């Protein structure tokens, strides 16, 4: 039976609406799938990155040590020539007690003497220098082994590899195994990765200089960019007249936030080092360079935080007779401060991970001591990673990954702190 025209039209309209709803639901499901897929892919890539870094870098957080009873022979070490005593010879003599056959020729003795790290003699020297009365006594010391033996103990050198392709030959492997059977070889947590400065020997290389250099650079960056960035943002947002000049300044600030970091490095190279003659490789110059990069980020974040304060706050304060300055500094700024602090921390976290500008001002030099002041030559965490990654020594491969993990830990902590402060002090209206 045919339906009346009115019912037919209503039925057609309902069917059209149902088709539209089904199409909209399909589109919504498709977008949800795309979103979940994008998030899953991002987490997968992050997991692969962290897994790759951890699988390579965790071995740098442990170190192989050799324990020796060393007789400080007065014939080799004298109190008069203590800093230049023959400490390497007495360590070699201690090893010869376990392998007397190695003393038959000079080349074999030299090979045996290469089992401890080159820093072993300095560890013994410091112990004797602290108490010269121990000359002529036997001292027990625990020293790192050299990098090839450290890699052998960690399984990074395959014992099944043909001898001519290994960094340690069969004789050296036998020496190491014999000492291990005697209980003289142990694996300990490598605190030296944090407490020692850089070295050309992988087993002695640490991040102390880079950590202190990054601290000084970030401190200088904060001292410069924080007050200047906030001051500029307050003036532009609250006091500056809205005209072409302020619009031009605002556009340039937004553009500066997107300028590649290497451009700021070139600017620092030309101005700070070229014109002003400031010290090369100094954290002071590095911090000033990073402040140029961080300031636009702080200005933009501060202006956004100021805009987020409801206009009613300003109107209420003005209504009870407060001046413009009292409104801004007594009411608006305290309410916007959580957002300002969050933007500042994120800007500093970004500065911590920058490498290109620091390379251009020379903070990639080989520095074997930690900086005592911002004027001393130093490296930073990103440039230290660059130096180790560029090193031909295989032992620096794991230390490079470990340094990246340390840098990522600082970045995660700083971003976590920003989120915590925002959630703790944020107010909603």
Protein backbone atom coordinates (compact mmCIF):
# COMPACT_ATOMS: atom_id res chain seq x y z
CA UNK A 1 0.00 0.00 0.00
CA UNK A 2 1.33 3.41 -0.96
CA UNK A 3 2.04 5.87 1.86
CA UNK A 4 0.64 9.36 1.81
CA UNK A 5 3.06 12.00 0.44
CA UNK A 6 3.57 13.51 3.89
CA UNK A 7 4.63 10.18 5.39
CA UNK A 8 6.81 9.40 2.41
CA UNK A 9 8.62 12.71 2.85
CA UNK A 10 9.02 12.14 6.59
CA UNK A 11 10.32 8.63 6.00
CA UNK A 12 12.80 9.95 3.44
CA UNK A 13 13.97 12.67 5.83
CA UNK A 14 14.45 10.11 8.61
CA UNK A 15 16.42 7.84 6.30
CA UNK A 16 18.59 10.76 5.21
CA UNK A 17 19.25 11.65 8.84
CA UNK A 18 20.15 8.06 9.64
CA UNK A 19 22.59 7.94 6.72
CA UNK A 20 24.19 11.18 7.92
CA UNK A 21 24.48 9.84 11.47
CA UNK A 22 26.05 6.58 10.22
CA UNK A 23 28.49 8.54 8.05
CA UNK A 24 29.38 10.82 10.97
CA UNK A 25 29.91 7.84 13.25
CA UNK A 26 32.16 6.18 10.68
CA UNK A 27 34.17 9.38 10.36
CA UNK A 28 34.44 9.65 14.13
CA UNK A 29 35.60 6.04 14.46
CA UNK A 30 38.13 6.61 11.66
CA UNK A 31 39.52 9.69 13.42
CA UNK A 32 39.72 7.78 16.69
CA UNK A 33 41.62 4.98 14.99
CA UNK A 34 44.01 7.52 13.44
CA UNK A 35 44.56 9.17 16.80
CA UNK A 36 45.15 5.90 18.62
CA UNK A 37 47.46 4.77 15.82
CA UNK A 38 49.47 8.00 15.97
CA UNK A 39 49.83 7.81 19.75
CA UNK A 40 50.76 4.13 19.57
CA UNK A 41 53.35 4.80 16.89
CA UNK A 42 54.85 7.63 18.96
CA UNK A 43 55.05 5.42 22.06
CA UNK A 44 56.54 2.61 19.97
CA UNK A 45 59.28 4.88 18.63
CA UNK A 46 59.94 6.19 22.14
CA UNK A 47 60.14 2.65 23.49
CA UNK A 48 62.55 1.63 20.72
CA UNK A 49 64.71 4.68 21.46
CA UNK A 50 64.83 4.04 25.20
CA UNK A 51 65.37 0.31 24.71
CA UNK A 52 68.23 0.96 22.29
CA UNK A 53 69.89 3.48 24.61
CA UNK A 54 69.40 1.29 27.68
CA UNK A 55 70.68 -1.88 26.03
CA UNK A 56 73.82 -0.04 24.92
CA UNK A 57 74.36 2.33 27.82
CA UNK A 58 73.61 0.29 30.93
CA UNK A 59 77.03 -1.36 30.77
CA UNK A 60 78.68 2.05 31.26
CA UNK A 61 77.07 2.30 34.69
CA UNK A 62 79.25 -0.59 35.91
CA UNK A 63 83.02 -0.86 35.78
CA UNK A 64 85.49 -3.73 36.09
CA UNK A 65 88.03 -3.28 38.91
CA UNK A 66 91.26 -5.07 39.75
CA UNK A 67 92.36 -5.45 43.38
CA UNK A 68 96.12 -5.60 43.95
CA UNK A 69 98.48 -5.71 46.92
CA UNK A 70 101.21 -3.32 45.84
CA UNK A 71 104.57 -3.07 47.59
CA UNK A 72 105.64 0.59 47.45
CA UNK A 73 109.32 -0.04 46.77
CA UNK A 74 111.52 2.78 48.15
CA UNK A 75 113.88 2.14 45.25
CA UNK A 76 111.14 3.22 42.84
CA UNK A 77 109.18 5.72 44.96
CA UNK A 78 110.94 8.25 47.14
CA UNK A 79 109.42 11.02 49.24
CA UNK A 80 111.67 13.59 47.55
CA UNK A 81 110.34 12.74 44.08
CA UNK A 82 106.87 11.67 45.18
CA UNK A 83 104.78 13.29 42.43
CA UNK A 84 106.98 11.70 39.76
CA UNK A 85 107.65 8.36 41.41
CA UNK A 86 107.73 5.11 39.47
CA UNK A 87 104.22 4.07 40.48
CA UNK A 88 103.62 2.25 37.20
CA UNK A 89 106.69 0.13 37.86
CA UNK A 90 105.54 -0.95 41.33
CA UNK A 91 102.10 -1.85 39.96
CA UNK A 92 103.77 -3.89 37.24
CA UNK A 93 105.88 -5.61 39.90
CA UNK A 94 102.69 -6.49 41.81
CA UNK A 95 101.26 -8.14 38.68
CA UNK A 96 104.49 -10.04 38.06
CA UNK A 97 103.99 -11.79 41.38
CA UNK A 98 101.05 -13.62 39.78
CA UNK A 99 102.69 -14.09 36.37
CA UNK A 100 106.46 -14.34 36.90
CA UNK A 101 106.93 -15.77 33.41
CA UNK A 102 105.83 -12.42 31.97
CA UNK A 103 109.03 -10.81 33.20
CA UNK A 104 111.17 -12.63 30.71
CA UNK A 105 111.07 -9.89 28.09
CA UNK A 106 110.18 -6.23 27.98
CA UNK A 107 107.29 -6.52 25.50
CA UNK A 108 105.51 -9.08 27.66
CA UNK A 109 105.96 -6.95 30.77
CA UNK A 110 104.53 -3.96 28.94
CA UNK A 111 101.53 -6.03 27.82
CA UNK A 112 100.94 -7.19 31.39
CA UNK A 113 101.28 -3.62 32.66
CA UNK A 114 98.48 -2.62 30.29
CA UNK A 115 95.94 -4.72 32.17
CA UNK A 116 95.20 -2.03 34.80
CA UNK A 117 94.00 1.33 33.58
CA UNK A 118 96.52 4.09 32.98
CA UNK A 119 94.93 5.87 35.92
CA UNK A 120 96.00 3.13 38.35
CA UNK A 121 99.38 4.77 38.92
CA UNK A 122 97.67 8.06 39.84
CA UNK A 123 95.33 6.32 42.28
CA UNK A 124 98.35 4.77 44.00
CA UNK A 125 100.22 8.09 43.87
CA UNK A 126 97.37 9.90 45.64
CA UNK A 127 97.27 7.26 48.38
CA UNK A 128 101.01 7.53 48.98
CA UNK A 129 100.98 11.33 48.75
CA UNK A 130 98.27 11.44 51.43
CA UNK A 131 100.52 9.39 53.76
CA UNK A 132 104.20 9.27 52.67
CA UNK A 133 104.99 7.01 55.63
CA UNK A 134 103.46 4.13 53.64
CA UNK A 135 106.51 4.05 51.37
CA UNK A 136 108.10 0.66 51.97
CA UNK A 137 104.75 -0.90 52.91
CA UNK A 138 102.26 -3.02 50.98
CA UNK A 139 99.08 -1.17 50.01
CA UNK A 140 95.89 -2.78 48.76
CA UNK A 141 94.33 -0.77 45.94
CA UNK A 142 91.30 -1.28 43.72
CA UNK A 143 91.80 0.22 40.28
CA UNK A 144 89.82 0.11 37.01
CA UNK A 145 91.11 -2.26 34.36
CA UNK A 146 91.88 -0.85 30.93
CA UNK A 147 89.09 -0.60 28.39
CA UNK A 148 89.83 -3.81 26.40
CA UNK A 149 89.65 -5.94 29.56
CA UNK A 150 86.57 -4.07 30.74
CA UNK A 151 84.85 -4.89 27.45
CA UNK A 152 86.04 -8.50 27.72
CA UNK A 153 84.49 -8.81 31.17
CA UNK A 154 81.21 -7.26 29.98
CA UNK A 155 80.99 -9.62 27.02
CA UNK A 156 81.49 -6.88 24.42
CA UNK A 157 84.54 -8.75 23.10
CA UNK A 158 83.62 -12.19 21.83
CA UNK A 159 86.12 -14.79 22.98
CA UNK A 160 85.26 -16.91 19.93
CA UNK A 161 86.49 -14.20 17.57
CA UNK A 162 89.82 -15.11 15.92
CA UNK A 163 92.75 -13.86 17.96
CA UNK A 164 94.11 -11.54 15.27
CA UNK A 165 90.77 -9.69 15.20
CA UNK A 166 90.49 -9.25 18.96
CA UNK A 167 91.87 -6.35 21.01
CA UNK A 168 93.18 -8.86 23.55
CA UNK A 169 95.07 -11.96 22.51
CA UNK A 170 94.79 -15.40 24.07
CA UNK A 171 97.66 -14.77 26.46
CA UNK A 172 96.02 -11.61 27.81
CA UNK A 173 92.68 -13.39 28.11
CA UNK A 174 94.42 -16.11 30.14
CA UNK A 175 95.94 -13.46 32.46
CA UNK A 176 92.54 -11.88 33.01
CA UNK A 177 90.83 -15.23 33.67
CA UNK A 178 93.53 -16.21 36.14
CA UNK A 179 93.09 -12.99 38.10
CA UNK A 180 89.34 -13.50 38.04
CA UNK A 181 89.71 -16.99 39.47
CA UNK A 182 91.84 -15.52 42.27
CA UNK A 183 88.92 -13.23 43.13
CA UNK A 184 90.84 -10.09 42.17
CA UNK A 185 88.45 -9.01 39.40
CA UNK A 186 85.15 -7.49 40.45
CA UNK A 187 82.40 -5.49 38.81
CA UNK A 188 81.26 -2.41 40.71
CA UNK A 189 78.84 0.43 40.19
CA UNK A 190 80.61 3.05 38.13
CA UNK A 191 80.22 6.21 40.20
CA UNK A 192 83.13 7.62 38.24
CA UNK A 193 80.79 8.20 35.30
CA UNK A 194 79.34 11.06 37.36
CA UNK A 195 82.24 12.01 39.66
CA UNK A 196 85.17 12.03 37.21
CA UNK A 197 85.93 14.55 34.45
CA UNK A 198 86.59 13.61 30.86
CA UNK A 199 89.56 11.49 29.85
CA UNK A 200 90.97 10.02 26.67
CA UNK A 201 90.77 6.61 28.36
CA UNK A 202 87.16 5.32 28.27
CA UNK A 203 87.40 3.54 31.61
CA UNK A 204 88.35 6.85 33.29
CA UNK A 205 86.02 9.20 31.39
CA UNK A 206 83.20 10.82 33.34
CA UNK A 207 80.60 13.55 33.11
CA UNK A 208 81.60 15.71 36.06
CA UNK A 209 82.98 18.55 33.94
CA UNK A 210 80.00 18.45 31.58
CA UNK A 211 77.49 18.43 34.44
CA UNK A 212 79.10 21.41 36.17
CA UNK A 213 79.51 23.21 32.83
CA UNK A 214 75.81 22.70 32.05
CA UNK A 215 74.92 23.92 35.54
CA UNK A 216 76.90 27.16 35.11
CA UNK A 217 75.53 27.71 31.60
CA UNK A 218 71.91 27.18 32.71
CA UNK A 219 72.43 29.42 35.74
CA UNK A 220 73.73 32.24 33.55
CA UNK A 221 70.89 31.62 31.09
CA UNK A 222 68.30 31.80 33.88
CA UNK A 223 69.76 34.93 35.47
CA UNK A 224 69.66 36.76 32.13
CA UNK A 225 66.56 35.44 30.40
CA UNK A 226 64.16 35.15 33.35
CA UNK A 227 63.97 38.80 34.48
CA UNK A 228 64.42 40.25 30.99
CA UNK A 229 61.87 37.89 29.41
CA UNK A 230 59.24 38.49 32.10
CA UNK A 231 59.84 42.24 32.08
CA UNK A 232 59.50 42.44 28.31
CA UNK A 233 56.33 40.33 28.35
CA UNK A 234 54.70 42.42 31.08
CA UNK A 235 55.44 45.64 29.25
CA UNK A 236 54.24 44.36 25.87
CA UNK A 237 51.07 42.81 27.29
CA UNK A 238 50.05 45.33 29.92
CA UNK A 239 51.64 48.72 29.25
CA UNK A 240 52.80 49.01 25.62
CA UNK A 241 50.50 50.98 23.30
CA UNK A 242 48.92 48.90 20.57
CA UNK A 243 50.43 50.31 17.38
CA UNK A 244 52.56 49.23 14.46
CA UNK A 245 55.78 49.32 16.49
CA UNK A 246 54.47 46.95 19.16
CA UNK A 247 52.98 44.71 16.46
CA UNK A 248 56.35 44.61 14.70
CA UNK A 249 58.11 43.71 17.96
CA UNK A 250 55.57 40.96 18.66
CA UNK A 251 56.02 39.46 15.19
CA UNK A 252 59.81 39.48 15.54
CA UNK A 253 59.65 37.81 18.95
CA UNK A 254 57.49 35.04 17.50
CA UNK A 255 59.93 34.67 14.62
CA UNK A 256 62.94 34.52 16.97
CA UNK A 257 61.35 31.59 18.79
CA UNK A 258 61.45 29.63 15.52
CA UNK A 259 64.99 30.59 14.43
CA UNK A 260 67.36 27.55 14.24
CA UNK A 261 69.69 27.36 17.21
CA UNK A 262 72.79 27.37 15.02
CA UNK A 263 71.98 30.97 14.05
CA UNK A 264 72.27 32.03 17.69
CA UNK A 265 75.59 30.20 17.84
CA UNK A 266 76.87 32.17 14.86
CA UNK A 267 75.65 35.39 16.49
CA UNK A 268 77.46 34.53 19.73
CA UNK A 269 80.61 33.63 17.81
CA UNK A 270 80.60 36.98 16.03
CA UNK A 271 79.52 39.21 18.93
CA UNK A 272 80.59 37.63 22.21
CA UNK A 273 83.85 36.08 21.01
CA UNK A 274 84.66 38.31 18.03
CA UNK A 275 83.69 41.79 19.18
CA UNK A 276 83.79 41.53 22.96
CA UNK A 277 86.71 39.09 23.16
CA UNK A 278 85.08 36.93 25.83
CA UNK A 279 86.76 33.62 26.80
CA UNK A 280 86.19 30.75 24.42
CA UNK A 281 84.59 27.55 25.73
CA UNK A 282 83.40 29.34 28.88
CA UNK A 283 79.99 28.52 30.40
CA UNK A 284 79.43 32.28 30.75
CA UNK A 285 79.39 32.66 26.97
CA UNK A 286 77.37 29.46 26.62
CA UNK A 287 74.78 30.73 29.09
CA UNK A 288 74.53 34.09 27.31
CA UNK A 289 74.05 32.28 24.00
CA UNK A 290 71.35 30.03 25.43
CA UNK A 291 69.62 33.04 26.99
CA UNK A 292 69.21 34.55 23.52
CA UNK A 293 67.36 31.38 22.51
CA UNK A 294 65.33 31.03 25.69
CA UNK A 295 64.15 34.63 26.02
CA UNK A 296 61.58 34.53 23.16
CA UNK A 297 60.10 31.32 24.63
CA UNK A 298 59.78 32.92 28.07
CA UNK A 299 58.23 36.08 26.60
CA UNK A 300 55.63 34.11 24.65
CA UNK A 301 54.81 31.86 27.63
CA UNK A 302 54.56 34.84 29.99
CA UNK A 303 52.25 36.76 27.65
CA UNK A 304 50.03 33.69 27.30
CA UNK A 305 49.88 33.34 31.10
CA UNK A 306 48.99 37.02 31.50
CA UNK A 307 46.25 36.74 28.88
CA UNK A 308 44.79 33.74 30.72
CA UNK A 309 44.02 35.89 33.79
CA UNK A 310 40.33 36.85 33.54
CA UNK A 311 39.63 40.52 32.73
CA UNK A 312 37.33 40.66 35.75
CA UNK A 313 40.40 40.56 38.02
CA UNK A 314 41.74 43.71 36.41
CA UNK A 315 38.36 45.41 36.38
CA UNK A 316 37.68 44.62 40.03
CA UNK A 317 41.08 45.95 41.13
CA UNK A 318 40.69 49.11 39.08
CA UNK A 319 37.17 49.51 40.43
CA UNK A 320 38.37 49.74 44.04
CA UNK A 321 40.93 52.40 43.13
CA UNK A 322 44.12 50.40 42.39
CA UNK A 323 46.59 51.89 39.94
CA UNK A 324 47.67 50.12 36.78
CA UNK A 325 50.96 49.04 38.38
CA UNK A 326 49.16 47.76 41.47
CA UNK A 327 46.76 45.78 39.31
CA UNK A 328 49.55 44.15 37.31
CA UNK A 329 52.05 43.44 40.09
CA UNK A 330 49.61 42.87 42.93
CA UNK A 331 46.91 40.83 41.23
CA UNK A 332 47.61 39.76 37.64
CA UNK A 333 51.25 38.70 37.96
CA UNK A 334 50.78 36.45 41.04
CA UNK A 335 47.90 34.66 39.31
CA UNK A 336 49.92 34.23 36.10
CA UNK A 337 53.10 33.14 37.88
CA UNK A 338 52.48 29.34 37.65
CA UNK A 339 52.21 29.59 33.86
CA UNK A 340 55.26 31.85 33.73
CA UNK A 341 57.29 29.41 35.81
CA UNK A 342 56.17 26.49 33.65
CA UNK A 343 57.22 28.28 30.45
CA UNK A 344 60.56 29.20 31.99
CA UNK A 345 61.37 25.63 33.04
CA UNK A 346 60.41 24.30 29.61
CA UNK A 347 62.59 26.95 27.98
CA UNK A 348 65.54 25.99 30.20
CA UNK A 349 64.96 22.31 29.45
CA UNK A 350 65.13 23.11 25.75
CA UNK A 351 68.34 25.07 26.33
CA UNK A 352 69.86 22.15 28.26
CA UNK A 353 69.58 19.91 25.20
CA UNK A 354 71.00 22.36 22.66
CA UNK A 355 74.28 21.38 21.00
CA UNK A 356 74.83 23.46 17.84
CA UNK A 357 75.30 26.91 19.47
CA UNK A 358 77.66 25.48 22.10
CA UNK A 359 79.77 23.79 19.43
CA UNK A 360 80.23 27.09 17.63
CA UNK A 361 81.55 28.85 20.73
CA UNK A 362 84.04 26.07 21.44
CA UNK A 363 82.39 24.16 24.29
CA UNK A 364 83.43 20.90 22.65
CA UNK A 365 87.10 21.18 23.69
CA UNK A 366 88.83 18.30 25.45
CA UNK A 367 88.79 19.48 29.08
CA UNK A 368 90.18 17.16 31.77
CA UNK A 369 89.07 19.21 34.78
CA UNK A 370 85.72 20.50 35.99
CA UNK A 371 85.19 24.29 35.78
CA UNK A 372 85.38 26.14 39.09
CA UNK A 373 83.79 29.35 37.75
CA UNK A 374 81.69 30.32 34.72
CA UNK A 375 84.85 31.76 33.15
CA UNK A 376 86.76 28.46 33.08
CA UNK A 377 86.83 26.37 29.91
CA UNK A 378 84.26 23.60 30.00
CA UNK A 379 81.97 21.32 28.05
CA UNK A 380 78.25 20.71 28.50
CA UNK A 381 76.21 17.53 28.49
CA UNK A 382 75.14 17.76 24.81
CA UNK A 383 78.65 18.62 23.61
CA UNK A 384 80.17 15.88 25.78
CA UNK A 385 77.85 13.42 24.07
CA UNK A 386 79.00 14.78 20.72
CA UNK A 387 82.67 14.35 21.69
CA UNK A 388 82.22 10.77 22.87
CA UNK A 389 80.10 9.84 19.86
CA UNK A 390 82.88 11.10 17.60
CA UNK A 391 85.59 9.14 19.43
CA UNK A 392 87.09 6.09 17.66
CA UNK A 393 87.49 4.21 20.96
CA UNK A 394 84.87 1.47 21.22
CA UNK A 395 84.55 1.97 24.96
CA UNK A 396 82.96 5.37 24.39
CA UNK A 397 79.98 3.78 22.59
CA UNK A 398 78.30 2.67 25.80
CA UNK A 399 79.33 5.86 27.58
CA UNK A 400 77.68 7.92 24.84
CA UNK A 401 74.39 6.10 25.37
CA UNK A 402 74.77 6.43 29.14
CA UNK A 403 75.36 10.18 28.81
CA UNK A 404 72.23 10.47 26.65
CA UNK A 405 70.26 8.65 29.36
CA UNK A 406 71.59 11.09 31.97
CA UNK A 407 70.60 14.04 29.76
CA UNK A 408 67.14 12.57 29.16
CA UNK A 409 66.74 12.07 32.92
CA UNK A 410 67.41 15.75 33.56
CA UNK A 411 64.99 16.76 30.80
CA UNK A 412 62.27 14.46 32.19
CA UNK A 413 62.81 15.82 35.70
CA UNK A 414 62.60 19.42 34.49
CA UNK A 415 59.45 18.81 32.46
CA UNK A 416 57.93 16.85 35.33
CA UNK A 417 58.70 19.75 37.66
CA UNK A 418 56.97 22.13 35.24
CA UNK A 419 53.85 19.94 35.17
CA UNK A 420 53.86 19.63 38.97
CA UNK A 421 54.15 23.37 39.52
CA UNK A 422 51.44 24.09 36.97
CA UNK A 423 49.02 21.65 38.58
CA UNK A 424 49.87 22.79 42.11
CA UNK A 425 49.50 26.53 41.64
CA UNK A 426 47.10 26.76 38.72
CA UNK A 427 43.78 28.43 39.52
CA UNK A 428 40.61 28.08 37.49
CA UNK A 429 37.72 30.50 37.25
